[in-house]
N, C-alpha and C. Protein backbone atom coordinates (compact mmCIF):
# COMPACT_ATOMS: atom_id res chain seq x y z
N MET A 1 54.91 20.00 4.42
CA MET A 1 54.11 19.31 3.43
C MET A 1 53.48 20.34 2.49
N SER A 2 53.58 20.09 1.18
CA SER A 2 53.03 21.01 0.18
C SER A 2 51.53 20.87 0.08
N ALA A 3 50.90 21.95 -0.33
CA ALA A 3 49.46 21.93 -0.55
C ALA A 3 49.14 21.10 -1.78
N VAL A 4 47.95 20.56 -1.82
CA VAL A 4 47.50 19.78 -2.97
C VAL A 4 47.07 20.74 -4.07
N VAL A 5 47.44 20.44 -5.30
CA VAL A 5 47.06 21.26 -6.45
C VAL A 5 45.55 21.15 -6.63
N SER A 6 44.88 22.28 -6.58
CA SER A 6 43.42 22.27 -6.68
C SER A 6 42.94 22.58 -8.11
N HIS A 7 43.84 22.72 -9.02
CA HIS A 7 43.49 23.03 -10.41
C HIS A 7 43.52 21.76 -11.25
N SER A 8 42.60 21.68 -12.20
CA SER A 8 42.62 20.57 -13.16
C SER A 8 43.66 20.86 -14.24
N ARG A 9 43.97 19.85 -15.00
CA ARG A 9 44.91 20.01 -16.12
C ARG A 9 44.41 21.08 -17.09
N GLY A 10 43.11 21.06 -17.38
CA GLY A 10 42.52 22.06 -18.28
C GLY A 10 42.63 23.47 -17.72
N GLU A 11 42.41 23.61 -16.42
CA GLU A 11 42.54 24.93 -15.79
C GLU A 11 43.98 25.44 -15.85
N ILE A 12 44.92 24.53 -15.72
CA ILE A 12 46.33 24.92 -15.81
C ILE A 12 46.65 25.41 -17.22
N PHE A 13 46.13 24.72 -18.23
CA PHE A 13 46.32 25.19 -19.61
C PHE A 13 45.71 26.58 -19.78
N GLU A 14 44.56 26.82 -19.19
CA GLU A 14 43.94 28.15 -19.26
C GLU A 14 44.83 29.21 -18.63
N ILE A 15 45.44 28.90 -17.51
CA ILE A 15 46.36 29.84 -16.87
C ILE A 15 47.55 30.12 -17.80
N LEU A 16 48.05 29.07 -18.43
CA LEU A 16 49.21 29.22 -19.32
C LEU A 16 48.89 30.04 -20.57
N GLU A 17 47.61 30.17 -20.91
CA GLU A 17 47.21 31.04 -22.03
C GLU A 17 47.59 32.50 -21.75
N SER A 18 47.78 32.84 -20.47
CA SER A 18 48.16 34.22 -20.12
C SER A 18 49.66 34.48 -20.29
N VAL A 19 50.43 33.42 -20.47
CA VAL A 19 51.89 33.57 -20.63
C VAL A 19 52.17 33.84 -22.10
N LYS A 20 52.62 35.05 -22.39
CA LYS A 20 52.87 35.45 -23.78
C LYS A 20 54.32 35.15 -24.18
N ASP A 21 54.49 34.89 -25.46
CA ASP A 21 55.84 34.73 -25.99
C ASP A 21 56.51 36.10 -25.96
N PRO A 22 57.69 36.23 -25.36
CA PRO A 22 58.32 37.55 -25.25
C PRO A 22 58.74 38.15 -26.59
N GLU A 23 58.92 37.32 -27.60
CA GLU A 23 59.34 37.82 -28.91
C GLU A 23 58.15 38.10 -29.84
N VAL A 24 57.01 37.47 -29.56
CA VAL A 24 55.79 37.68 -30.33
C VAL A 24 54.65 37.77 -29.31
N PRO A 25 54.53 38.90 -28.61
CA PRO A 25 53.62 38.98 -27.47
C PRO A 25 52.13 38.91 -27.80
N VAL A 26 51.79 38.77 -29.05
CA VAL A 26 50.39 38.61 -29.43
C VAL A 26 49.95 37.14 -29.26
N LEU A 27 50.92 36.24 -29.09
CA LEU A 27 50.62 34.82 -28.94
C LEU A 27 51.02 34.31 -27.57
N SER A 28 50.19 33.43 -27.02
CA SER A 28 50.57 32.75 -25.79
C SER A 28 51.49 31.59 -26.13
N VAL A 29 52.17 31.09 -25.12
CA VAL A 29 53.07 29.96 -25.34
C VAL A 29 52.27 28.69 -25.67
N VAL A 30 50.99 28.67 -25.29
CA VAL A 30 50.12 27.55 -25.65
C VAL A 30 49.76 27.66 -27.14
N GLU A 31 49.34 28.86 -27.57
CA GLU A 31 48.98 29.06 -28.98
C GLU A 31 50.16 28.80 -29.91
N LEU A 32 51.34 29.16 -29.44
CA LEU A 32 52.54 28.98 -30.25
C LEU A 32 52.92 27.51 -30.37
N GLY A 33 52.42 26.69 -29.46
CA GLY A 33 52.74 25.26 -29.50
C GLY A 33 53.96 24.91 -28.68
N VAL A 34 54.49 25.87 -27.92
CA VAL A 34 55.67 25.61 -27.09
C VAL A 34 55.29 24.73 -25.90
N VAL A 35 54.11 24.95 -25.31
CA VAL A 35 53.64 24.10 -24.21
C VAL A 35 53.10 22.83 -24.81
N ARG A 36 53.72 21.72 -24.48
CA ARG A 36 53.34 20.42 -25.05
C ARG A 36 52.40 19.65 -24.15
N ASP A 37 52.63 19.75 -22.82
CA ASP A 37 51.82 18.95 -21.91
C ASP A 37 51.88 19.56 -20.52
N VAL A 38 50.93 19.19 -19.71
CA VAL A 38 50.88 19.56 -18.30
C VAL A 38 50.65 18.27 -17.53
N GLU A 39 51.52 18.03 -16.54
CA GLU A 39 51.40 16.81 -15.72
C GLU A 39 51.25 17.21 -14.26
N ILE A 40 50.31 16.58 -13.57
CA ILE A 40 50.15 16.76 -12.13
C ILE A 40 50.63 15.46 -11.51
N ASP A 41 51.57 15.54 -10.54
CA ASP A 41 52.13 14.31 -9.98
C ASP A 41 51.06 13.51 -9.24
N ALA A 42 51.36 12.24 -8.96
CA ALA A 42 50.38 11.30 -8.39
C ALA A 42 49.81 11.78 -7.06
N GLU A 43 50.63 12.49 -6.28
CA GLU A 43 50.16 12.98 -4.99
C GLU A 43 49.42 14.30 -5.13
N GLY A 44 49.43 14.89 -6.34
CA GLY A 44 48.75 16.16 -6.57
C GLY A 44 49.44 17.33 -5.92
N ARG A 45 50.75 17.24 -5.73
CA ARG A 45 51.49 18.29 -5.02
C ARG A 45 52.38 19.14 -5.92
N ALA A 46 52.60 18.70 -7.16
CA ALA A 46 53.48 19.43 -8.07
C ALA A 46 52.95 19.36 -9.49
N VAL A 47 53.23 20.40 -10.24
CA VAL A 47 52.85 20.46 -11.64
C VAL A 47 54.13 20.55 -12.47
N THR A 48 54.19 19.76 -13.52
CA THR A 48 55.29 19.83 -14.47
C THR A 48 54.71 20.27 -15.81
N VAL A 49 55.30 21.32 -16.37
CA VAL A 49 54.90 21.80 -17.69
C VAL A 49 55.99 21.37 -18.66
N VAL A 50 55.59 20.65 -19.70
CA VAL A 50 56.53 20.15 -20.70
C VAL A 50 56.51 21.13 -21.87
N ILE A 51 57.70 21.61 -22.23
CA ILE A 51 57.81 22.58 -23.31
C ILE A 51 58.79 22.10 -24.37
N THR A 52 58.59 22.58 -25.58
CA THR A 52 59.53 22.35 -26.68
C THR A 52 59.86 23.71 -27.28
N PRO A 53 61.15 24.08 -27.28
CA PRO A 53 61.51 25.38 -27.85
C PRO A 53 61.28 25.41 -29.36
N THR A 54 61.05 26.63 -29.87
CA THR A 54 60.84 26.77 -31.30
C THR A 54 62.09 26.37 -32.08
N TYR A 55 63.24 26.56 -31.48
CA TYR A 55 64.48 25.99 -32.00
C TYR A 55 65.44 25.89 -30.84
N SER A 56 66.46 25.05 -30.96
CA SER A 56 67.29 24.69 -29.80
C SER A 56 68.04 25.88 -29.20
N GLY A 57 68.30 26.91 -29.94
CA GLY A 57 69.04 28.05 -29.42
C GLY A 57 68.17 29.25 -29.10
N CYS A 58 66.87 29.06 -28.96
CA CYS A 58 65.95 30.18 -28.74
C CYS A 58 66.30 30.91 -27.45
N PRO A 59 66.67 32.19 -27.54
CA PRO A 59 67.06 32.93 -26.34
C PRO A 59 65.90 33.27 -25.42
N ALA A 60 64.67 33.12 -25.88
CA ALA A 60 63.51 33.46 -25.06
C ALA A 60 63.10 32.35 -24.10
N MET A 61 63.67 31.17 -24.23
CA MET A 61 63.19 30.03 -23.44
C MET A 61 63.34 30.24 -21.94
N LYS A 62 64.40 30.85 -21.47
CA LYS A 62 64.56 31.08 -20.03
C LYS A 62 63.47 32.02 -19.52
N VAL A 63 63.17 33.06 -20.28
CA VAL A 63 62.09 33.99 -19.91
C VAL A 63 60.76 33.25 -19.89
N ILE A 64 60.51 32.42 -20.89
CA ILE A 64 59.27 31.65 -20.96
C ILE A 64 59.15 30.73 -19.76
N GLU A 65 60.22 30.02 -19.42
CA GLU A 65 60.20 29.13 -18.26
C GLU A 65 59.88 29.91 -16.99
N ASP A 66 60.55 31.04 -16.79
CA ASP A 66 60.31 31.87 -15.59
C ASP A 66 58.87 32.38 -15.56
N ASP A 67 58.34 32.78 -16.72
CA ASP A 67 56.96 33.29 -16.79
C ASP A 67 55.94 32.19 -16.50
N ILE A 68 56.22 30.97 -16.95
CA ILE A 68 55.34 29.84 -16.68
C ILE A 68 55.28 29.58 -15.17
N VAL A 69 56.45 29.51 -14.55
CA VAL A 69 56.51 29.27 -13.10
C VAL A 69 55.78 30.38 -12.35
N ALA A 70 56.04 31.63 -12.71
CA ALA A 70 55.40 32.77 -12.02
C ALA A 70 53.89 32.74 -12.18
N ALA A 71 53.40 32.46 -13.39
CA ALA A 71 51.95 32.45 -13.62
C ALA A 71 51.27 31.38 -12.78
N LEU A 72 51.86 30.20 -12.72
CA LEU A 72 51.23 29.11 -11.96
C LEU A 72 51.33 29.37 -10.46
N ARG A 73 52.45 29.90 -10.01
CA ARG A 73 52.57 30.24 -8.58
C ARG A 73 51.59 31.34 -8.20
N ASP A 74 51.38 32.31 -9.09
CA ASP A 74 50.40 33.38 -8.83
C ASP A 74 48.98 32.83 -8.68
N HIS A 75 48.75 31.64 -9.23
CA HIS A 75 47.43 30.99 -9.13
C HIS A 75 47.42 29.90 -8.06
N GLY A 76 48.36 29.98 -7.12
CA GLY A 76 48.33 29.10 -5.96
C GLY A 76 48.97 27.74 -6.13
N ILE A 77 49.76 27.56 -7.18
CA ILE A 77 50.45 26.28 -7.38
C ILE A 77 51.90 26.49 -6.94
N PRO A 78 52.26 26.00 -5.73
CA PRO A 78 53.58 26.32 -5.19
C PRO A 78 54.75 25.55 -5.81
N VAL A 79 54.52 24.32 -6.25
CA VAL A 79 55.61 23.51 -6.80
C VAL A 79 55.39 23.35 -8.30
N VAL A 80 56.23 24.04 -9.06
CA VAL A 80 56.12 24.03 -10.52
C VAL A 80 57.47 23.65 -11.10
N ASN A 81 57.47 22.66 -11.96
CA ASN A 81 58.66 22.25 -12.68
C ASN A 81 58.43 22.47 -14.16
N VAL A 82 59.48 22.83 -14.87
CA VAL A 82 59.40 22.95 -16.33
C VAL A 82 60.41 21.97 -16.90
N ARG A 83 59.93 21.10 -17.78
CA ARG A 83 60.79 20.11 -18.43
C ARG A 83 60.83 20.40 -19.93
N THR A 84 62.01 20.51 -20.46
CA THR A 84 62.19 20.78 -21.89
C THR A 84 62.43 19.48 -22.63
N THR A 85 61.72 19.30 -23.73
CA THR A 85 61.93 18.15 -24.60
C THR A 85 62.18 18.67 -26.01
N TYR A 86 63.07 18.01 -26.71
CA TYR A 86 63.42 18.42 -28.07
C TYR A 86 62.89 17.45 -29.12
N SER A 87 62.20 16.41 -28.67
CA SER A 87 61.72 15.42 -29.60
C SER A 87 60.26 15.11 -29.30
N PRO A 88 59.40 15.21 -30.28
CA PRO A 88 59.70 15.67 -31.64
C PRO A 88 60.00 17.16 -31.65
N ALA A 89 60.74 17.55 -32.66
CA ALA A 89 61.11 18.96 -32.80
C ALA A 89 59.88 19.81 -33.05
N TRP A 90 59.89 21.02 -32.49
CA TRP A 90 58.78 21.96 -32.68
C TRP A 90 58.62 22.26 -34.16
N THR A 91 57.39 22.47 -34.57
CA THR A 91 57.09 22.84 -35.95
C THR A 91 56.00 23.91 -35.96
N THR A 92 56.04 24.79 -36.92
CA THR A 92 54.99 25.80 -37.05
C THR A 92 53.64 25.17 -37.36
N ASP A 93 53.63 23.91 -37.77
CA ASP A 93 52.37 23.22 -38.01
C ASP A 93 51.57 23.04 -36.71
N TRP A 94 52.22 23.19 -35.56
CA TRP A 94 51.53 23.08 -34.28
C TRP A 94 50.75 24.36 -33.96
N MET A 95 50.97 25.42 -34.71
CA MET A 95 50.25 26.67 -34.48
C MET A 95 48.85 26.55 -35.09
N SER A 96 47.85 27.01 -34.37
CA SER A 96 46.49 26.96 -34.88
C SER A 96 46.27 28.03 -35.95
N ASP A 97 45.19 27.87 -36.71
CA ASP A 97 44.84 28.89 -37.70
C ASP A 97 44.57 30.22 -37.00
N GLU A 98 43.97 30.17 -35.81
CA GLU A 98 43.71 31.39 -35.05
C GLU A 98 45.02 32.08 -34.67
N ALA A 99 46.02 31.32 -34.27
CA ALA A 99 47.32 31.90 -33.94
C ALA A 99 47.94 32.57 -35.17
N LYS A 100 47.77 31.95 -36.32
CA LYS A 100 48.31 32.52 -37.56
C LYS A 100 47.56 33.81 -37.93
N ARG A 101 46.26 33.85 -37.67
CA ARG A 101 45.50 35.08 -37.91
C ARG A 101 45.97 36.20 -36.97
N LYS A 102 46.26 35.85 -35.74
CA LYS A 102 46.76 36.85 -34.79
C LYS A 102 48.11 37.40 -35.24
N LEU A 103 48.97 36.52 -35.74
CA LEU A 103 50.27 36.98 -36.26
C LEU A 103 50.07 38.00 -37.37
N GLU A 104 49.21 37.67 -38.32
CA GLU A 104 48.98 38.56 -39.45
C GLU A 104 48.41 39.90 -38.99
N ALA A 105 47.46 39.88 -38.05
CA ALA A 105 46.88 41.12 -37.53
C ALA A 105 47.93 41.95 -36.80
N TYR A 106 48.94 41.30 -36.27
CA TYR A 106 50.04 41.96 -35.55
C TYR A 106 51.07 42.53 -36.52
N GLY A 107 51.00 42.15 -37.80
CA GLY A 107 51.92 42.66 -38.80
C GLY A 107 53.03 41.69 -39.18
N ILE A 108 52.87 40.43 -38.82
CA ILE A 108 53.86 39.40 -39.17
C ILE A 108 53.16 38.40 -40.09
N ALA A 109 53.75 38.16 -41.25
CA ALA A 109 53.18 37.17 -42.17
C ALA A 109 53.29 35.79 -41.52
N PRO A 110 52.18 35.06 -41.45
CA PRO A 110 52.22 33.75 -40.81
C PRO A 110 52.92 32.72 -41.67
N PRO A 111 53.40 31.65 -41.06
CA PRO A 111 54.07 30.61 -41.83
C PRO A 111 53.08 29.79 -42.63
N GLY A 112 53.56 29.23 -43.72
CA GLY A 112 52.77 28.24 -44.45
C GLY A 112 53.01 26.88 -43.81
N ARG A 113 52.61 25.84 -44.50
CA ARG A 113 52.85 24.48 -44.01
C ARG A 113 54.34 24.20 -44.06
N ALA A 114 54.84 23.53 -43.05
CA ALA A 114 56.25 23.14 -43.02
C ALA A 114 56.45 21.92 -43.90
N SER A 115 57.68 21.73 -44.36
CA SER A 115 58.00 20.53 -45.13
C SER A 115 57.91 19.32 -44.22
N ARG A 116 57.57 18.20 -44.79
CA ARG A 116 57.58 16.96 -44.00
C ARG A 116 58.99 16.68 -43.56
N HIS A 117 59.13 16.09 -42.39
CA HIS A 117 60.46 15.85 -41.83
C HIS A 117 61.26 14.80 -42.59
N ASP A 118 60.59 13.97 -43.38
CA ASP A 118 61.32 12.94 -44.11
C ASP A 118 61.69 13.38 -45.53
N GLU A 119 61.43 14.63 -45.86
CA GLU A 119 61.78 15.16 -47.17
C GLU A 119 63.11 15.90 -47.10
N LEU A 120 63.83 15.93 -48.21
CA LEU A 120 64.99 16.81 -48.28
C LEU A 120 64.48 18.23 -48.35
N VAL A 121 65.08 19.12 -47.59
CA VAL A 121 64.59 20.48 -47.51
C VAL A 121 65.58 21.41 -48.19
N PRO A 122 65.15 22.14 -49.22
CA PRO A 122 66.05 23.09 -49.85
C PRO A 122 66.35 24.25 -48.91
N LEU A 123 67.40 25.01 -49.23
CA LEU A 123 67.80 26.14 -48.38
C LEU A 123 66.65 27.11 -48.20
N ARG A 124 65.93 27.43 -49.25
CA ARG A 124 64.74 28.29 -49.14
C ARG A 124 63.53 27.36 -49.16
N ARG A 125 62.84 27.27 -48.04
CA ARG A 125 61.72 26.34 -47.91
C ARG A 125 60.45 26.85 -48.56
N ARG A 126 60.25 28.13 -48.59
CA ARG A 126 58.96 28.70 -48.97
C ARG A 126 58.87 28.83 -50.48
N SER A 127 57.90 28.16 -51.08
CA SER A 127 57.69 28.31 -52.51
C SER A 127 56.38 29.06 -52.78
N ALA A 128 55.48 29.04 -51.81
CA ALA A 128 54.21 29.76 -51.97
C ALA A 128 54.46 31.26 -51.82
N PRO A 129 53.66 32.09 -52.49
CA PRO A 129 53.84 33.53 -52.34
C PRO A 129 53.59 33.96 -50.90
N ILE A 130 54.29 34.99 -50.49
CA ILE A 130 54.14 35.53 -49.14
C ILE A 130 53.14 36.67 -49.21
N ARG A 131 52.11 36.59 -48.39
CA ARG A 131 51.06 37.61 -48.39
C ARG A 131 51.42 38.72 -47.39
N CYS A 132 51.40 39.95 -47.87
CA CYS A 132 51.69 41.10 -47.02
C CYS A 132 50.62 41.19 -45.93
N PRO A 133 51.02 41.31 -44.66
CA PRO A 133 50.01 41.40 -43.60
C PRO A 133 49.29 42.75 -43.57
N TYR A 134 49.77 43.73 -44.32
CA TYR A 134 49.16 45.06 -44.32
C TYR A 134 48.14 45.24 -45.44
N CYS A 135 48.54 44.94 -46.69
CA CYS A 135 47.63 45.16 -47.81
C CYS A 135 47.16 43.85 -48.45
N HIS A 136 47.71 42.73 -48.01
CA HIS A 136 47.34 41.39 -48.46
C HIS A 136 47.79 41.07 -49.88
N SER A 137 48.66 41.88 -50.43
CA SER A 137 49.23 41.61 -51.75
C SER A 137 50.22 40.45 -51.65
N THR A 138 50.40 39.75 -52.75
CA THR A 138 51.45 38.73 -52.81
C THR A 138 52.62 39.22 -53.66
N ASN A 139 52.62 40.50 -53.98
CA ASN A 139 53.73 41.11 -54.72
C ASN A 139 54.80 41.49 -53.69
N THR A 140 55.41 40.44 -53.12
CA THR A 140 56.36 40.61 -52.03
C THR A 140 57.65 39.86 -52.31
N ARG A 141 58.63 40.17 -51.51
CA ARG A 141 59.91 39.46 -51.65
C ARG A 141 60.60 39.38 -50.29
N ILE A 142 61.45 38.38 -50.16
CA ILE A 142 62.27 38.25 -48.95
C ILE A 142 63.51 39.11 -49.13
N GLU A 143 63.72 40.02 -48.21
CA GLU A 143 64.90 40.89 -48.25
C GLU A 143 66.07 40.25 -47.50
N SER A 144 65.77 39.56 -46.41
CA SER A 144 66.80 38.90 -45.62
C SER A 144 66.19 37.66 -44.97
N GLU A 145 66.91 36.55 -45.02
CA GLU A 145 66.45 35.32 -44.37
C GLU A 145 66.48 35.45 -42.85
N PHE A 146 67.12 36.50 -42.36
CA PHE A 146 67.28 36.68 -40.91
C PHE A 146 66.61 37.97 -40.47
N GLY A 147 65.63 37.82 -39.57
CA GLY A 147 64.91 38.97 -39.04
C GLY A 147 65.34 39.29 -37.62
N SER A 148 64.41 39.84 -36.85
CA SER A 148 64.72 40.22 -35.47
C SER A 148 65.00 39.01 -34.59
N THR A 149 64.51 37.85 -35.00
CA THR A 149 64.80 36.59 -34.32
C THR A 149 65.09 35.56 -35.41
N ALA A 150 65.69 34.45 -35.02
CA ALA A 150 66.07 33.42 -36.00
C ALA A 150 64.85 32.78 -36.66
N CYS A 151 63.68 32.88 -36.02
CA CYS A 151 62.49 32.25 -36.59
C CYS A 151 61.74 33.16 -37.55
N LYS A 152 62.29 34.34 -37.82
CA LYS A 152 61.61 35.27 -38.73
C LYS A 152 62.56 35.75 -39.82
N ALA A 153 61.98 36.12 -40.96
CA ALA A 153 62.72 36.70 -42.09
C ALA A 153 62.15 38.11 -42.33
N ILE A 154 62.94 38.95 -42.98
CA ILE A 154 62.51 40.31 -43.33
C ILE A 154 62.02 40.29 -44.77
N CYS A 155 60.82 40.82 -44.99
CA CYS A 155 60.22 40.87 -46.32
C CYS A 155 59.86 42.31 -46.67
N TYR A 156 59.50 42.49 -47.93
CA TYR A 156 59.09 43.81 -48.41
C TYR A 156 57.94 43.64 -49.38
N CYS A 157 56.95 44.50 -49.26
CA CYS A 157 55.81 44.48 -50.17
C CYS A 157 56.02 45.56 -51.23
N ASP A 158 56.03 45.16 -52.49
CA ASP A 158 56.22 46.12 -53.58
C ASP A 158 54.95 46.92 -53.88
N ASP A 159 53.80 46.51 -53.36
CA ASP A 159 52.57 47.26 -53.59
C ASP A 159 52.39 48.38 -52.56
N CYS A 160 52.40 48.05 -51.29
CA CYS A 160 52.18 49.10 -50.26
C CYS A 160 53.50 49.66 -49.73
N ARG A 161 54.62 49.07 -50.18
CA ARG A 161 55.96 49.52 -49.83
C ARG A 161 56.28 49.44 -48.34
N GLN A 162 55.68 48.46 -47.69
CA GLN A 162 55.91 48.24 -46.26
C GLN A 162 56.88 47.08 -46.06
N PRO A 163 57.87 47.25 -45.20
CA PRO A 163 58.64 46.10 -44.76
C PRO A 163 57.81 45.32 -43.73
N PHE A 164 58.02 44.04 -43.66
CA PHE A 164 57.33 43.23 -42.66
C PHE A 164 58.13 41.97 -42.41
N GLU A 165 57.81 41.31 -41.31
CA GLU A 165 58.47 40.07 -40.99
C GLU A 165 57.61 38.89 -41.40
N LEU A 166 58.26 37.79 -41.71
CA LEU A 166 57.63 36.53 -42.03
C LEU A 166 58.05 35.53 -40.96
N PHE A 167 57.09 34.89 -40.32
CA PHE A 167 57.40 33.81 -39.39
C PHE A 167 57.72 32.59 -40.24
N LYS A 168 58.94 32.11 -40.19
CA LYS A 168 59.38 31.02 -41.06
C LYS A 168 58.66 29.72 -40.73
N ALA A 169 58.36 28.96 -41.76
CA ALA A 169 57.78 27.62 -41.58
C ALA A 169 58.92 26.67 -41.21
N LEU A 170 58.78 26.06 -40.07
CA LEU A 170 59.81 25.12 -39.60
C LEU A 170 59.18 23.78 -39.33
């Protein structure tokens, strides 16, 4: 017989704040909006963490799932399930302003508002100027739509001459 989960839903979310995104380790999976919900079963014997990947092919999701399970087990929760849901699709709009500030302090330009899902989306979504995370100039340009991960683009600041990444608005 499994032990009863002695943590509240809120406490479990607090534990999950320690699980960092492996591709952007300045953000937790909760801050990033990947963790959607935490469910404790009726008998209080198992926890299910509901996640939504940033995009369907995100290679970090297996690491994130393993890290979630390890973090909760380290806090005495023996039965942990991770359930992935793709609907609604993850959006950068789920990131808090604090998470976006952390991205910028880390050297990644944060995303702007994503387009509404019922709008036609042009190939280049971003129309607002991109602010350099180093000198805060908007005299910047996108050098490549593809960065170190599919959710980032490579940019360049013409004022401070620094390359930087932009977290794409999705």
